[in-house]
Structures are given as C-alpha cells and as structure tokens.
Amino acid sequence: CRGNNPYFRFDAATKEFDSWWANRSSDFAFADQKGKFVSFTSGNHDVNRIRASLSEEEIRYYYLFLLTVKNVPFFYYGDEIGMNDETGIPSIEGAYGRQAARSPMQWDESKTAGFSSSHKTYIKIPSIAERKGISVVAESSKKDSLLNYVKELIAFKNLHPALDNDATMAFHPVKDAMPLVYERSKGDEKLLVAFNLGHEPKRIALLGNQGNILFSLGSAPKITDKTILLEPH
C-alpha cells in the first residue's frame, strides 16, 4: 500500500496489484505447503505510517483487504486510529531516521496523550491541536470513526468461516488494474470481495447464484442477475 503509486490510493497513476500478487503468490503456496499462514500488517516501526501514504478514506479500503484476504492480520499500534508520522522527533535509541512512526500511542487528548503521567517525557508527543479527534477516547465515542470501523471489520471477519485462514482463496483475473476481485470459501459459505478504487464505474460477472451484499464501502454495489456494478471508490 506504500510507494509512489500505492494500490489503494484513489489517484495513483498506476495500479500494481498484478506485480504484488506475482511476488506474493509463492509465499501463499509455501505457507500452504508447510501448513502455515502468511501474515500482513498495517505497518511497523521501521516504515512510515500508513496514514502518511493514504487518506483515512483510502485506509478503510486497505483494512477491508487486510481483513478479508487470506492471512493473519496485524495492526501496528496507532494505525487503528489513524495516527500519522510525527515530524521533528530527534533520532534516539538507534532510530536512524525512522522515528516518525514511533511517537507514543494517543490514548486520550490530555497533554501527554494518556501515554504517561509525567510532564518530562523525552519523546515528543504531538500537541493537543495536532491530534484533535485522533485518540482512542475520541474515536470510541464517534460511531463512524476509524477505530470503530476496524472493530466492525474484525467482528465481520470473526462472523464468517469463509474468512478463516483455512478457507480457500482465488483471485479473479481482470483485463485492467481495476477492479480487484477475489473469492473466499469454506464449507457452504462463499464470499466475493470486490474493490473498485478507480474514478469510473466497473461491472463484473457474478459467478453462481445471486447473492446478498454483506458489507460495503462507498456507494452500495448494484446486483443484477449476472453482474455486479461497482461505483467509483
């Protein structure tokens, strides 16, 4: 999701999922062979935060991917509330320029963000104005916050056996970089996951019997007898 043209950014000049999948498909095959699982994360302390690459709206699409593709997902602390890189932090404890993603977790909107009761912390904490609304306390009480969206996604994943790690996954080939479509299945349950991150509507074939929309972002897809119309974003 990072780089000059991250796949989940709406205005990316190119969509490079094919090359990503070409590199990752062998990882999935190796994990299956060993009876293990691939794992993706929202980030870590050695890379810029995902919020530095994608808008909050775009992040929601990546998180939907993270929790529906076959893997063991992890969230780097703060990514679930949309924390951004913090500039102006000195390089300490061997950060070597990677300290932007290492500012303290923003639990609340107090002076020290609920991270510490000390007023002499040597790690810079963003000012209250800079992190207004971006804290566990603030987002817990806001129904449509990123934090509550992540909780909703986790609950959705836990509800559907087809999203388990021993469920099958198959990507559907497409002519263009959009849409991204894959199917997850386990037992009697089949889920079709489709993303249209572009600026134009896309229509895809509906395989099998007509289904029901269980989860959607943006404009709800329109289902006909044989196709699904995906609106932009």
Protein backbone atom coordinates (compact mmCIF):
# COMPACT_ATOMS: atom_id res chain seq x y z
CA CYS A 1 0.00 0.00 0.00
CA ARG A 2 3.06 2.26 0.10
CA GLY A 3 5.36 3.64 -2.55
CA ASN A 4 4.95 6.35 -5.16
CA ASN A 5 1.71 4.87 -6.50
CA PRO A 6 0.18 2.80 -3.71
CA TYR A 7 -2.55 0.48 -4.95
CA PHE A 8 -5.22 1.64 -2.51
CA ARG A 9 -4.81 5.35 -3.30
CA PHE A 10 -7.62 6.65 -5.49
CA ASP A 11 -5.45 8.93 -7.63
CA ALA A 12 -2.50 6.56 -8.07
CA ALA A 13 -1.09 6.82 -11.59
CA THR A 14 -0.78 3.06 -11.87
CA LYS A 15 -2.28 0.09 -10.09
CA GLU A 16 0.28 -2.58 -9.49
CA PHE A 17 -1.65 -5.41 -7.90
CA ASP A 18 -0.54 -7.91 -10.55
CA SER A 19 3.13 -7.41 -9.71
CA TRP A 20 2.32 -7.53 -5.99
CA TRP A 21 0.44 -10.80 -6.40
CA ALA A 22 3.19 -12.27 -8.60
CA ASN A 23 5.61 -11.73 -5.72
CA ARG A 24 3.21 -12.89 -3.00
CA SER A 25 1.63 -15.94 -4.66
CA SER A 26 4.71 -18.04 -3.96
CA ASP A 27 4.51 -17.01 -0.30
CA PHE A 28 0.95 -18.30 -0.09
CA ALA A 29 1.93 -21.54 -1.82
CA PHE A 30 4.90 -22.06 0.53
CA ALA A 31 2.76 -21.36 3.61
CA ASP A 32 0.08 -23.81 2.44
CA GLN A 33 2.72 -26.44 1.82
CA LYS A 34 4.03 -26.06 5.37
CA GLY A 35 0.59 -25.82 6.97
CA LYS A 36 1.33 -22.25 7.99
CA PHE A 37 -0.12 -18.82 7.20
CA VAL A 38 1.03 -15.63 5.53
CA SER A 39 0.74 -12.51 7.68
CA PHE A 40 0.22 -8.90 6.61
CA THR A 41 0.41 -5.84 8.83
CA SER A 42 -0.77 -2.25 8.72
CA GLY A 43 2.81 -1.14 9.38
CA ASN A 44 5.73 -1.39 11.77
CA HIS A 45 8.34 0.79 13.48
CA ASP A 46 10.72 0.70 10.51
CA VAL A 47 8.43 2.27 7.87
CA ASN A 48 6.35 5.42 7.56
CA ARG A 49 2.85 5.08 8.94
CA ILE A 50 0.14 4.06 6.51
CA ARG A 51 -1.61 7.40 7.16
CA ALA A 52 1.38 9.12 5.55
CA SER A 53 0.62 7.28 2.28
CA LEU A 54 -3.18 7.05 2.24
CA SER A 55 -6.10 9.22 3.32
CA GLU A 56 -8.36 7.91 6.07
CA GLU A 57 -10.97 7.01 3.45
CA GLU A 58 -8.40 5.08 1.41
CA ILE A 59 -7.11 3.34 4.53
CA ARG A 60 -10.56 1.88 5.10
CA TYR A 61 -10.30 0.03 1.78
CA TYR A 62 -6.86 -1.31 2.62
CA TYR A 63 -8.10 -2.50 6.02
CA LEU A 64 -11.02 -4.25 4.32
CA PHE A 65 -8.45 -6.02 2.14
CA LEU A 66 -6.26 -6.79 5.18
CA LEU A 67 -9.14 -8.50 6.98
CA THR A 68 -10.63 -10.41 4.04
CA VAL A 69 -7.57 -11.67 2.15
CA LYS A 70 -6.12 -14.97 3.41
CA ASN A 71 -3.63 -14.02 6.13
CA VAL A 72 -3.10 -13.40 9.83
CA PRO A 73 -3.56 -9.62 10.04
CA PHE A 74 -1.75 -7.36 12.50
CA PHE A 75 -2.29 -3.69 13.31
CA TYR A 76 0.69 -1.57 14.31
CA TYR A 77 -0.29 0.46 17.34
CA GLY A 78 -1.97 3.73 16.41
CA ASP A 79 -2.85 2.66 12.87
CA GLU A 80 -6.31 1.69 14.09
CA ILE A 81 -6.98 5.34 14.99
CA GLY A 82 -5.17 6.87 12.01
CA MET A 83 -2.04 8.20 13.68
CA ASN A 84 0.29 9.90 11.19
CA ASP A 85 4.07 10.28 11.05
CA GLU A 86 5.30 12.73 13.65
CA THR A 87 7.94 15.11 12.36
CA GLY A 88 10.50 16.90 14.48
CA ILE A 89 11.36 13.94 16.71
CA PRO A 90 15.11 13.58 17.32
CA SER A 91 16.68 10.29 16.29
CA ILE A 92 17.11 8.43 19.57
CA GLU A 93 17.76 4.84 20.63
CA GLY A 94 19.02 3.81 17.20
CA ALA A 95 16.06 5.13 15.22
CA TYR A 96 18.33 6.28 12.36
CA GLY A 97 15.62 8.46 10.83
CA ARG A 98 12.77 6.01 11.44
CA GLN A 99 11.38 7.78 14.50
CA ALA A 100 8.44 9.38 12.64
CA ALA A 101 6.31 6.27 13.20
CA ARG A 102 7.37 5.80 16.81
CA SER A 103 5.55 8.59 18.67
CA PRO A 104 3.57 7.42 21.73
CA MET A 105 0.12 5.86 21.43
CA GLN A 106 -2.58 8.52 21.60
CA TRP A 107 -4.97 7.15 24.20
CA ASP A 108 -6.70 10.43 25.02
CA GLU A 109 -6.47 14.18 24.42
CA SER A 110 -4.62 15.11 27.58
CA LYS A 111 -1.24 16.84 27.40
CA THR A 112 0.66 13.54 27.39
CA ALA A 113 -1.96 11.66 25.34
CA GLY A 114 -2.58 9.23 28.20
CA PHE A 115 0.81 7.69 27.46
CA SER A 116 2.44 8.90 30.65
CA SER A 117 1.59 10.90 33.76
CA SER A 118 4.99 12.58 33.62
CA HIS A 119 5.33 16.03 32.13
CA LYS A 120 9.02 15.45 31.37
CA THR A 121 8.78 12.75 28.73
CA TYR A 122 11.79 12.95 26.40
CA ILE A 123 9.79 11.59 23.45
CA LYS A 124 7.88 14.29 21.61
CA ILE A 125 4.11 13.97 21.80
CA PRO A 126 2.04 15.86 19.20
CA SER A 127 0.27 18.91 20.56
CA ILE A 128 -3.38 18.62 21.53
CA ALA A 129 -4.35 20.70 18.48
CA GLU A 130 -2.38 18.43 16.13
CA ARG A 131 -4.04 15.25 17.38
CA LYS A 132 -7.52 16.60 17.99
CA GLY A 133 -10.00 13.78 17.50
CA ILE A 134 -7.26 11.21 16.89
CA SER A 135 -7.26 9.21 20.11
CA VAL A 136 -8.85 6.07 21.50
CA VAL A 137 -11.17 8.09 23.74
CA ALA A 138 -12.29 10.47 20.98
CA GLU A 139 -12.84 7.75 18.39
CA SER A 140 -14.55 5.32 20.76
CA SER A 141 -17.47 7.73 21.13
CA LYS A 142 -17.73 8.54 17.39
CA LYS A 143 -19.83 5.97 15.56
CA ASP A 144 -18.18 6.38 12.16
CA SER A 145 -14.59 6.70 13.42
CA LEU A 146 -11.72 4.68 12.01
CA LEU A 147 -11.35 2.82 15.31
CA ASN A 148 -14.98 1.69 15.32
CA TYR A 149 -14.69 0.77 11.65
CA VAL A 150 -11.74 -1.51 12.47
CA LYS A 151 -13.75 -3.10 15.27
CA GLU A 152 -16.63 -3.63 12.85
CA LEU A 153 -14.30 -5.31 10.33
CA ILE A 154 -12.85 -7.63 12.98
CA ALA A 155 -16.34 -8.62 14.09
CA PHE A 156 -17.31 -9.24 10.46
CA LYS A 157 -14.24 -11.43 9.91
CA ASN A 158 -14.97 -13.44 13.04
CA LEU A 159 -18.57 -13.99 11.92
CA HIS A 160 -17.74 -15.62 8.58
CA PRO A 161 -15.98 -19.01 8.29
CA ALA A 162 -15.07 -18.21 4.65
CA LEU A 163 -12.61 -15.62 6.03
CA ASP A 164 -10.79 -18.17 8.21
CA ASN A 165 -7.19 -18.91 7.32
CA ASP A 166 -8.02 -22.49 6.32
CA ALA A 167 -10.64 -21.20 3.86
CA THR A 168 -9.75 -21.16 0.18
CA MET A 169 -8.89 -18.02 -1.78
CA ALA A 170 -8.96 -17.44 -5.52
CA PHE A 171 -8.23 -14.18 -7.34
CA HIS A 172 -10.29 -13.44 -10.44
CA PRO A 173 -8.28 -12.33 -13.47
CA VAL A 174 -9.27 -8.92 -14.87
CA LYS A 175 -8.18 -7.06 -18.01
CA ASP A 176 -7.36 -3.82 -16.21
CA ALA A 177 -5.84 -2.94 -12.85
CA MET A 178 -9.39 -2.43 -11.57
CA PRO A 179 -11.38 -3.99 -10.11
CA LEU A 180 -9.62 -6.26 -7.65
CA VAL A 181 -11.82 -9.33 -7.13
CA TYR A 182 -11.27 -12.49 -5.12
CA GLU A 183 -13.37 -15.27 -3.68
CA ARG A 184 -13.12 -16.86 -0.25
CA SER A 185 -14.94 -20.07 0.57
CA LYS A 186 -15.29 -22.63 3.32
CA GLY A 187 -17.97 -25.27 3.64
CA ASP A 188 -21.26 -23.89 2.36
CA GLU A 189 -20.20 -20.24 2.56
CA LYS A 190 -18.78 -18.32 -0.39
CA LEU A 191 -17.83 -14.65 -0.22
CA LEU A 192 -16.93 -12.48 -3.19
CA VAL A 193 -14.76 -9.45 -2.36
CA ALA A 194 -14.54 -6.69 -4.98
CA PHE A 195 -12.74 -3.33 -4.93
CA ASN A 196 -13.10 -0.50 -7.42
CA LEU A 197 -10.59 2.16 -6.39
CA GLY A 198 -10.78 3.97 -9.72
CA HIS A 199 -12.79 7.01 -10.82
CA GLU A 200 -15.01 5.11 -13.28
CA PRO A 201 -17.76 2.55 -12.59
CA LYS A 202 -16.88 -1.09 -13.25
CA ARG A 203 -19.07 -4.09 -13.93
CA ILE A 204 -18.03 -7.63 -13.04
CA ALA A 205 -19.59 -11.01 -13.66
CA LEU A 206 -21.47 -12.58 -10.79
CA LEU A 207 -20.48 -16.22 -10.58
CA GLY A 208 -23.09 -18.72 -9.43
CA ASN A 209 -26.39 -17.80 -7.84
CA GLN A 210 -27.31 -14.22 -6.99
CA GLY A 211 -26.02 -13.32 -3.54
CA ASN A 212 -26.53 -10.67 -0.90
CA ILE A 213 -24.39 -7.65 -0.08
CA LEU A 214 -22.96 -8.27 3.39
CA PHE A 215 -20.54 -5.35 3.67
CA SER A 216 -19.90 -2.29 1.53
CA LEU A 217 -17.91 0.94 1.45
CA GLY A 218 -18.98 3.99 -0.51
CA SER A 219 -21.98 3.55 -2.80
CA ALA A 220 -23.55 0.13 -2.43
CA PRO A 221 -22.95 -2.22 -5.38
CA LYS A 222 -25.90 -2.89 -7.68
CA ILE A 223 -26.59 -6.58 -8.33
CA THR A 224 -28.39 -7.83 -11.43
CA ASP A 225 -28.99 -11.43 -12.45
CA LYS A 226 -25.48 -11.90 -13.81
CA THR A 227 -23.37 -8.85 -12.91
CA ILE A 228 -22.38 -6.50 -10.12
CA LEU A 229 -21.97 -2.78 -10.83
CA LEU A 230 -19.26 -1.19 -8.70
CA GLU A 231 -19.44 2.58 -8.45
CA PRO A 232 -16.18 4.59 -8.28
CA HIS A 233 -14.40 4.17 -4.93
